[in-house]
Amino acid sequence: MQTTRMPTIRDLVANLSARPGVEAAVLLGRDGLLIDGAGVAGAGLEAAAAYVPSLITAAEELSSAVGSGRLVSKVLEFERGFAVISALSPEALLLVLVNSANDLGPIVADIRRHRGNIASIL
């Protein structure tokens, strides 16, 4: 009888960071502390994770002011890439950094589609 191994947080991060165009995938707490992360050298994963909570707080305040409900995801476009931040649970966030040469749509769609599964392994 073969047993199927439950994916781990490390598996999730490794699979996301291995996608074409993904420069880093970071799982972090709402406090900005890195839980796990993988990416290209020089991505500054811990520094990037530290900035995310203030971005999420501002987005949640905007959502509250306009009555848009709970924040689910936030996409930031930069000159040379994108940052996709997804709320996985009340305690955890996912940050995915994508270079500008790649199509962001499939990555965002996959995060949306698998958000519940990702949250379940936390």
Protein backbone atom coordinates (compact mmCIF):
# COMPACT_ATOMS: atom_id res chain seq x y z
CA MET A 1 0.00 0.00 0.00
CA GLN A 2 1.49 3.30 -1.09
CA THR A 3 0.91 6.36 1.05
CA THR A 4 0.73 9.83 -0.38
CA ARG A 5 2.89 12.36 1.39
CA MET A 6 1.16 15.59 2.40
CA PRO A 7 2.95 18.56 0.83
CA THR A 8 4.88 20.74 3.24
CA ILE A 9 5.34 24.49 3.40
CA ARG A 10 8.83 23.98 1.99
CA ASP A 11 7.33 22.08 -0.98
CA LEU A 12 4.89 24.92 -1.64
CA VAL A 13 7.60 27.57 -1.58
CA ALA A 14 9.94 25.48 -3.75
CA ASN A 15 7.22 24.78 -6.34
CA LEU A 16 6.19 28.43 -6.57
CA SER A 17 9.76 29.71 -6.80
CA ALA A 18 10.56 27.19 -9.57
CA ARG A 19 7.88 28.61 -11.89
CA PRO A 20 9.14 30.55 -14.91
CA GLY A 21 9.44 34.22 -14.08
CA VAL A 22 9.10 33.80 -10.33
CA GLU A 23 12.06 35.38 -8.60
CA ALA A 24 10.96 34.53 -5.07
CA ALA A 25 8.16 32.98 -3.05
CA VAL A 26 7.92 33.89 0.60
CA LEU A 27 5.57 32.64 3.27
CA LEU A 28 5.45 35.06 6.19
CA GLY A 29 3.54 35.83 9.33
CA ARG A 30 1.37 38.93 9.66
CA ASP A 31 4.19 40.34 11.79
CA GLY A 32 6.54 40.26 8.78
CA LEU A 33 8.70 37.42 10.03
CA LEU A 34 9.74 34.97 7.35
CA ILE A 35 8.32 31.45 7.81
CA ASP A 36 9.92 30.02 4.68
CA GLY A 37 11.14 31.36 1.39
CA ALA A 38 13.03 30.53 -1.75
CA GLY A 39 14.26 32.63 -4.60
CA VAL A 40 17.11 33.84 -6.70
CA ALA A 41 20.24 35.02 -4.96
CA GLY A 42 20.01 38.62 -3.85
CA ALA A 43 16.22 38.66 -3.59
CA GLY A 44 16.43 39.90 0.03
CA LEU A 45 13.65 37.65 1.27
CA GLU A 46 13.72 38.71 4.92
CA ALA A 47 13.82 42.41 4.01
CA ALA A 48 10.95 41.98 1.55
CA ALA A 49 8.90 40.10 4.16
CA ALA A 50 9.41 42.90 6.68
CA TYR A 51 7.71 45.45 4.38
CA VAL A 52 4.60 43.41 3.63
CA PRO A 53 2.60 43.98 6.86
CA SER A 54 2.51 47.76 6.40
CA LEU A 55 1.33 47.31 2.79
CA ILE A 56 -1.40 44.94 3.93
CA THR A 57 -2.48 47.25 6.75
CA ALA A 58 -2.87 50.16 4.34
CA ALA A 59 -4.85 48.02 1.88
CA GLU A 60 -7.11 46.73 4.67
CA GLU A 61 -7.76 50.28 5.85
CA LEU A 62 -8.68 51.30 2.31
CA SER A 63 -10.98 48.30 2.00
CA SER A 64 -12.66 49.20 5.28
CA ALA A 65 -13.12 52.82 4.19
CA VAL A 66 -14.79 51.87 0.91
CA GLY A 67 -16.65 48.80 2.20
CA SER A 68 -15.00 46.26 -0.08
CA GLY A 69 -14.76 43.41 2.43
CA ARG A 70 -11.78 41.39 3.54
CA LEU A 71 -8.50 41.82 1.66
CA VAL A 72 -7.73 38.72 -0.38
CA SER A 73 -4.79 39.73 -2.60
CA LYS A 74 -2.76 42.76 -3.55
CA VAL A 75 -0.71 43.16 -6.73
CA LEU A 76 2.00 45.78 -7.02
CA GLU A 77 3.59 46.64 -10.34
CA PHE A 78 7.14 47.93 -10.36
CA GLU A 79 9.38 49.05 -13.19
CA ARG A 80 11.08 45.62 -13.36
CA GLY A 81 8.51 43.26 -11.91
CA PHE A 82 5.50 42.53 -9.77
CA ALA A 83 4.77 41.62 -6.18
CA VAL A 84 1.71 39.51 -5.48
CA ILE A 85 0.64 39.37 -1.84
CA SER A 86 -2.08 36.95 -0.83
CA ALA A 87 -3.75 36.59 2.56
CA LEU A 88 -3.74 32.87 3.30
CA SER A 89 -5.11 33.01 6.82
CA PRO A 90 -5.47 35.51 9.67
CA GLU A 91 -1.86 34.66 10.60
CA ALA A 92 -0.08 34.06 7.28
CA LEU A 93 0.64 35.84 4.00
CA LEU A 94 2.22 34.74 0.74
CA LEU A 95 4.51 37.06 -1.23
CA VAL A 96 5.47 36.11 -4.78
CA LEU A 97 7.92 38.27 -6.73
CA VAL A 98 7.64 37.96 -10.52
CA ASN A 99 9.87 39.54 -13.15
CA SER A 100 8.28 41.86 -15.68
CA ALA A 101 9.14 39.65 -18.67
CA ASN A 102 6.56 37.05 -17.65
CA ASP A 103 2.78 36.97 -17.81
CA LEU A 104 1.43 37.57 -14.33
CA GLY A 105 -2.06 36.21 -15.06
CA PRO A 106 -1.40 32.46 -14.73
CA ILE A 107 0.52 32.93 -11.49
CA VAL A 108 -2.25 35.04 -9.93
CA ALA A 109 -4.87 32.55 -11.15
CA ASP A 110 -2.98 29.63 -9.59
CA ILE A 111 -2.59 31.44 -6.27
CA ARG A 112 -6.32 32.23 -6.25
CA ARG A 113 -7.26 28.67 -7.21
CA HIS A 114 -4.98 27.02 -4.61
CA ARG A 115 -5.22 29.55 -1.76
CA GLY A 116 -7.39 27.24 0.36
CA ASN A 117 -5.10 24.26 -0.18
CA ILE A 118 -2.06 26.36 0.66
CA ALA A 119 -3.71 27.63 3.85
CA SER A 120 -4.58 24.07 4.89
CA ILE A 121 -0.91 23.04 5.13
CA LEU A 122 -0.02 25.89 7.46
